[in-house]
């Protein structure tokens, strides 16, 4: 089940993202930034016992009038290859359409996955400078080898 993230999901999202950050697969997010950007996140939860367990997360970050970014897509390794990542991306794209945003980009180490979701490669130089605010704090900046991709309605 996919739903909007809630306060009690933040620590689970943090641990999920931190796991993949340590592997160099995505940008780390601090607990503070996750609380600040909680409204950006969708989570995939699976009921477990009396509560729910977050097994996937993805954020849609609005950058500008007609541009948003899909970021922080992560699915627990025990649940990968089951369509959860695709469902999370689809939920974020549907949200972008709801807001009237016609272009969504991502910076990724998994271009084949995003290509399967309808994203096309784009030169990073075509993205506005505003999108680089997170990059400045990244240890890989300015030698990042993530690929830029864009989805257009």
C-alpha atoms as a PDB file:
ATOM      1  CA  UNK A   1       0.000   0.000   0.000  1.00  0.00           C
ATOM      2  CA  UNK A   2       1.293   3.462  -0.915  1.00  0.00           C
ATOM      3  CA  UNK A   3       0.416   6.478   1.192  1.00  0.00           C
ATOM      4  CA  UNK A   4       1.765   9.860   2.189  1.00  0.00           C
ATOM      5  CA  UNK A   5       4.553   9.633   4.744  1.00  0.00           C
ATOM      6  CA  UNK A   6       3.743  10.504   8.346  1.00  0.00           C
ATOM      7  CA  UNK A   7       5.836  11.689  11.269  1.00  0.00           C
ATOM      8  CA  UNK A   8       6.138   8.181  12.658  1.00  0.00           C
ATOM      9  CA  UNK A   9       7.672   7.038   9.328  1.00  0.00           C
ATOM     10  CA  UNK A  10      10.641   9.434   9.413  1.00  0.00           C
ATOM     11  CA  UNK A  11      13.064   7.202  11.304  1.00  0.00           C
ATOM     12  CA  UNK A  12      12.264   4.213   9.083  1.00  0.00           C
ATOM     13  CA  UNK A  13      12.793   6.364   5.966  1.00  0.00           C
ATOM     14  CA  UNK A  14      16.055   7.644   7.438  1.00  0.00           C
ATOM     15  CA  UNK A  15      17.373   4.110   8.058  1.00  0.00           C
ATOM     16  CA  UNK A  16      16.300   2.938   4.601  1.00  0.00           C
ATOM     17  CA  UNK A  17      17.986   5.877   2.851  1.00  0.00           C
ATOM     18  CA  UNK A  18      21.071   5.674   5.079  1.00  0.00           C
ATOM     19  CA  UNK A  19      21.515   2.002   4.159  1.00  0.00           C
ATOM     20  CA  UNK A  20      21.695   2.837   0.432  1.00  0.00           C
ATOM     21  CA  UNK A  21      23.721   5.989   1.061  1.00  0.00           C
ATOM     22  CA  UNK A  22      26.435   3.928   2.738  1.00  0.00           C
ATOM     23  CA  UNK A  23      26.591   1.853  -0.446  1.00  0.00           C
ATOM     24  CA  UNK A  24      27.031   5.030  -2.497  1.00  0.00           C
ATOM     25  CA  UNK A  25      23.716   4.557  -4.302  1.00  0.00           C
ATOM     26  CA  UNK A  26      21.942   7.723  -3.202  1.00  0.00           C
ATOM     27  CA  UNK A  27      22.403  10.955  -1.325  1.00  0.00           C
ATOM     28  CA  UNK A  28      22.167  10.769   2.457  1.00  0.00           C
ATOM     29  CA  UNK A  29      19.420  12.760   4.145  1.00  0.00           C
ATOM     30  CA  UNK A  30      19.602  13.996   7.715  1.00  0.00           C
ATOM     31  CA  UNK A  31      16.727  13.412  10.113  1.00  0.00           C
ATOM     32  CA  UNK A  32      16.221  17.173  10.171  1.00  0.00           C
ATOM     33  CA  UNK A  33      15.893  17.365   6.375  1.00  0.00           C
ATOM     34  CA  UNK A  34      13.448  14.447   6.379  1.00  0.00           C
ATOM     35  CA  UNK A  35      11.227  16.213   8.899  1.00  0.00           C
ATOM     36  CA  UNK A  36      11.508  19.424   6.837  1.00  0.00           C
ATOM     37  CA  UNK A  37      10.586  17.615   3.619  1.00  0.00           C
ATOM     38  CA  UNK A  38       8.156  15.034   5.005  1.00  0.00           C
ATOM     39  CA  UNK A  39       5.344  16.243   2.745  1.00  0.00           C
ATOM     40  CA  UNK A  40       7.449  15.321  -0.301  1.00  0.00           C
ATOM     41  CA  UNK A  41       7.498  11.617   0.608  1.00  0.00           C
ATOM     42  CA  UNK A  42       5.335   8.684  -0.350  1.00  0.00           C
ATOM     43  CA  UNK A  43       5.934   5.376   1.400  1.00  0.00           C
ATOM     44  CA  UNK A  44       5.123   1.796   0.552  1.00  0.00           C
ATOM     45  CA  UNK A  45       4.040  -0.014   3.691  1.00  0.00           C
ATOM     46  CA  UNK A  46       3.329  -3.607   4.403  1.00  0.00           C
ATOM     47  CA  UNK A  47       1.245  -4.475   7.437  1.00  0.00           C
ATOM     48  CA  UNK A  48       3.370  -6.232  10.019  1.00  0.00           C
ATOM     49  CA  UNK A  49       1.798  -7.275  13.267  1.00  0.00           C
ATOM     50  CA  UNK A  50      -0.147  -4.484  14.949  1.00  0.00           C
ATOM     51  CA  UNK A  51       1.382  -1.699  12.795  1.00  0.00           C
ATOM     52  CA  UNK A  52       2.809  -1.026   9.371  1.00  0.00           C
ATOM     53  CA  UNK A  53       6.376  -1.412   8.179  1.00  0.00           C
ATOM     54  CA  UNK A  54       7.926   1.014   5.668  1.00  0.00           C
ATOM     55  CA  UNK A  55       9.638  -1.021   2.984  1.00  0.00           C
ATOM     56  CA  UNK A  56       9.956   1.684   0.324  1.00  0.00           C
ATOM     57  CA  UNK A  57      10.087   5.446   0.019  1.00  0.00           C
ATOM     58  CA  UNK A  58      10.230   8.066  -2.711  1.00  0.00           C
ATOM     59  CA  UNK A  59       9.964  11.848  -2.731  1.00  0.00           C
ATOM     60  CA  UNK A  60       8.628  14.349  -5.230  1.00  0.00           C
ATOM     61  CA  UNK A  61      10.363  17.658  -4.609  1.00  0.00           C
ATOM     62  CA  UNK A  62       8.878  20.661  -6.410  1.00  0.00           C
ATOM     63  CA  UNK A  63      11.699  22.833  -7.734  1.00  0.00           C
ATOM     64  CA  UNK A  64      10.036  25.434  -9.856  1.00  0.00           C
ATOM     65  CA  UNK A  65       6.821  26.418 -11.628  1.00  0.00           C
ATOM     66  CA  UNK A  66       6.884  23.503 -14.033  1.00  0.00           C
ATOM     67  CA  UNK A  67       9.666  21.271 -12.716  1.00  0.00           C
ATOM     68  CA  UNK A  68       9.935  18.703  -9.934  1.00  0.00           C
ATOM     69  CA  UNK A  69      12.480  16.085  -8.937  1.00  0.00           C
ATOM     70  CA  UNK A  70      12.020  12.476  -7.962  1.00  0.00           C
ATOM     71  CA  UNK A  71      14.561  11.807  -5.244  1.00  0.00           C
ATOM     72  CA  UNK A  72      15.363   9.407  -2.443  1.00  0.00           C
ATOM     73  CA  UNK A  73      13.805   6.350  -4.099  1.00  0.00           C
ATOM     74  CA  UNK A  74      14.687   3.303  -2.019  1.00  0.00           C
ATOM     75  CA  UNK A  75      13.148  -0.137  -1.521  1.00  0.00           C
ATOM     76  CA  UNK A  76      14.246  -2.604   1.134  1.00  0.00           C
ATOM     77  CA  UNK A  77      16.553  -5.142  -0.539  1.00  0.00           C
ATOM     78  CA  UNK A  78      14.330  -8.028   0.592  1.00  0.00           C
ATOM     79  CA  UNK A  79      11.429  -6.553  -1.406  1.00  0.00           C
ATOM     80  CA  UNK A  80      13.155  -5.427  -4.608  1.00  0.00           C
ATOM     81  CA  UNK A  81      12.120  -6.662  -8.053  1.00  0.00           C
ATOM     82  CA  UNK A  82       8.460  -6.825  -6.997  1.00  0.00           C
ATOM     83  CA  UNK A  83       7.305  -3.599  -8.670  1.00  0.00           C
ATOM     84  CA  UNK A  84       7.391  -1.476  -5.510  1.00  0.00           C
ATOM     85  CA  UNK A  85       9.835   1.076  -6.930  1.00  0.00           C
ATOM     86  CA  UNK A  86       7.714   1.395 -10.070  1.00  0.00           C
ATOM     87  CA  UNK A  87       4.588   1.944  -7.980  1.00  0.00           C
ATOM     88  CA  UNK A  88       6.312   4.618  -5.900  1.00  0.00           C
ATOM     89  CA  UNK A  89       7.536   6.447  -9.016  1.00  0.00           C
ATOM     90  CA  UNK A  90       4.048   6.208 -10.555  1.00  0.00           C
ATOM     91  CA  UNK A  91       2.545   7.696  -7.382  1.00  0.00           C
ATOM     92  CA  UNK A  92       4.997  10.601  -7.527  1.00  0.00           C
ATOM     93  CA  UNK A  93       4.315  11.193 -11.228  1.00  0.00           C
ATOM     94  CA  UNK A  94       0.572  11.171 -10.538  1.00  0.00           C
ATOM     95  CA  UNK A  95       1.137  13.749  -7.813  1.00  0.00           C
ATOM     96  CA  UNK A  96       3.157  15.889 -10.244  1.00  0.00           C
ATOM     97  CA  UNK A  97       0.271  15.732 -12.718  1.00  0.00           C
ATOM     98  CA  UNK A  98      -2.166  16.691  -9.947  1.00  0.00           C
ATOM     99  CA  UNK A  99      -0.086  19.812  -9.274  1.00  0.00           C
ATOM    100  CA  UNK A 100       0.098  20.609 -13.005  1.00  0.00           C
ATOM    101  CA  UNK A 101       3.824  19.911 -13.261  1.00  0.00           C
ATOM    102  CA  UNK A 102       4.703  18.662 -16.727  1.00  0.00           C
ATOM    103  CA  UNK A 103       8.412  17.875 -16.233  1.00  0.00           C
ATOM    104  CA  UNK A 104       9.981  15.658 -13.584  1.00  0.00           C
ATOM    105  CA  UNK A 105      13.688  14.921 -13.491  1.00  0.00           C
ATOM    106  CA  UNK A 106      15.872  12.606 -11.488  1.00  0.00           C
ATOM    107  CA  UNK A 107      19.593  12.219 -10.889  1.00  0.00           C
ATOM    108  CA  UNK A 108      20.289   8.513 -10.698  1.00  0.00           C
ATOM    109  CA  UNK A 109      22.745   5.648 -10.747  1.00  0.00           C
ATOM    110  CA  UNK A 110      19.922   3.429 -12.076  1.00  0.00           C
ATOM    111  CA  UNK A 111      19.134   4.882 -15.516  1.00  0.00           C
ATOM    112  CA  UNK A 112      17.714   1.645 -16.913  1.00  0.00           C
ATOM    113  CA  UNK A 113      15.094   1.545 -14.147  1.00  0.00           C
ATOM    114  CA  UNK A 114      14.009   5.131 -14.817  1.00  0.00           C
ATOM    115  CA  UNK A 115      14.031   4.528 -18.582  1.00  0.00           C
ATOM    116  CA  UNK A 116      11.518   1.727 -17.953  1.00  0.00           C
ATOM    117  CA  UNK A 117       9.337   4.326 -16.187  1.00  0.00           C
ATOM    118  CA  UNK A 118       9.289   6.645 -19.220  1.00  0.00           C
ATOM    119  CA  UNK A 119      12.247   8.888 -18.342  1.00  0.00           C
ATOM    120  CA  UNK A 120      14.679   9.999 -21.048  1.00  0.00           C
ATOM    121  CA  UNK A 121      18.345  10.985 -20.640  1.00  0.00           C
ATOM    122  CA  UNK A 122      19.037  14.715 -20.458  1.00  0.00           C
ATOM    123  CA  UNK A 123      22.244  16.720 -20.204  1.00  0.00           C
ATOM    124  CA  UNK A 124      22.645  18.033 -16.638  1.00  0.00           C
ATOM    125  CA  UNK A 125      23.471  21.429 -18.091  1.00  0.00           C
ATOM    126  CA  UNK A 126      19.872  21.717 -19.313  1.00  0.00           C
ATOM    127  CA  UNK A 127      18.567  21.711 -15.733  1.00  0.00           C
ATOM    128  CA  UNK A 128      18.238  25.090 -13.999  1.00  0.00           C
ATOM    129  CA  UNK A 129      20.923  26.032 -11.467  1.00  0.00           C
ATOM    130  CA  UNK A 130      18.307  25.986  -8.695  1.00  0.00           C
ATOM    131  CA  UNK A 131      18.281  22.165  -8.732  1.00  0.00           C
ATOM    132  CA  UNK A 132      21.916  21.985  -7.640  1.00  0.00           C
ATOM    133  CA  UNK A 133      21.297  23.219  -4.070  1.00  0.00           C
ATOM    134  CA  UNK A 134      21.610  19.678  -2.640  1.00  0.00           C
ATOM    135  CA  UNK A 135      24.601  18.881  -4.833  1.00  0.00           C
ATOM    136  CA  UNK A 136      26.777  21.532  -3.232  1.00  0.00           C
ATOM    137  CA  UNK A 137      26.702  19.594   0.057  1.00  0.00           C
ATOM    138  CA  UNK A 138      27.394  16.225  -1.537  1.00  0.00           C
ATOM    139  CA  UNK A 139      30.866  14.704  -1.083  1.00  0.00           C
ATOM    140  CA  UNK A 140      30.854  13.763  -4.795  1.00  0.00           C
ATOM    141  CA  UNK A 141      30.351  17.350  -5.967  1.00  0.00           C
ATOM    142  CA  UNK A 142      31.432  18.473  -8.568  1.00  0.00           C
ATOM    143  CA  UNK A 143      32.556  15.077  -9.885  1.00  0.00           C
ATOM    144  CA  UNK A 144      29.172  13.387  -9.641  1.00  0.00           C
ATOM    145  CA  UNK A 145      28.555  10.532 -12.029  1.00  0.00           C
ATOM    146  CA  UNK A 146      24.795  10.336 -11.546  1.00  0.00           C
ATOM    147  CA  UNK A 147      22.840  10.491 -14.775  1.00  0.00           C
ATOM    148  CA  UNK A 148      20.149  13.104 -15.324  1.00  0.00           C
ATOM    149  CA  UNK A 149      16.863  11.890 -16.733  1.00  0.00           C
ATOM    150  CA  UNK A 150      13.554  13.622 -17.375  1.00  0.00           C
ATOM    151  CA  UNK A 151       9.909  12.642 -17.730  1.00  0.00           C
ATOM    152  CA  UNK A 152       7.595  14.932 -19.624  1.00  0.00           C
ATOM    153  CA  UNK A 153       3.842  14.842 -19.721  1.00  0.00           C
END
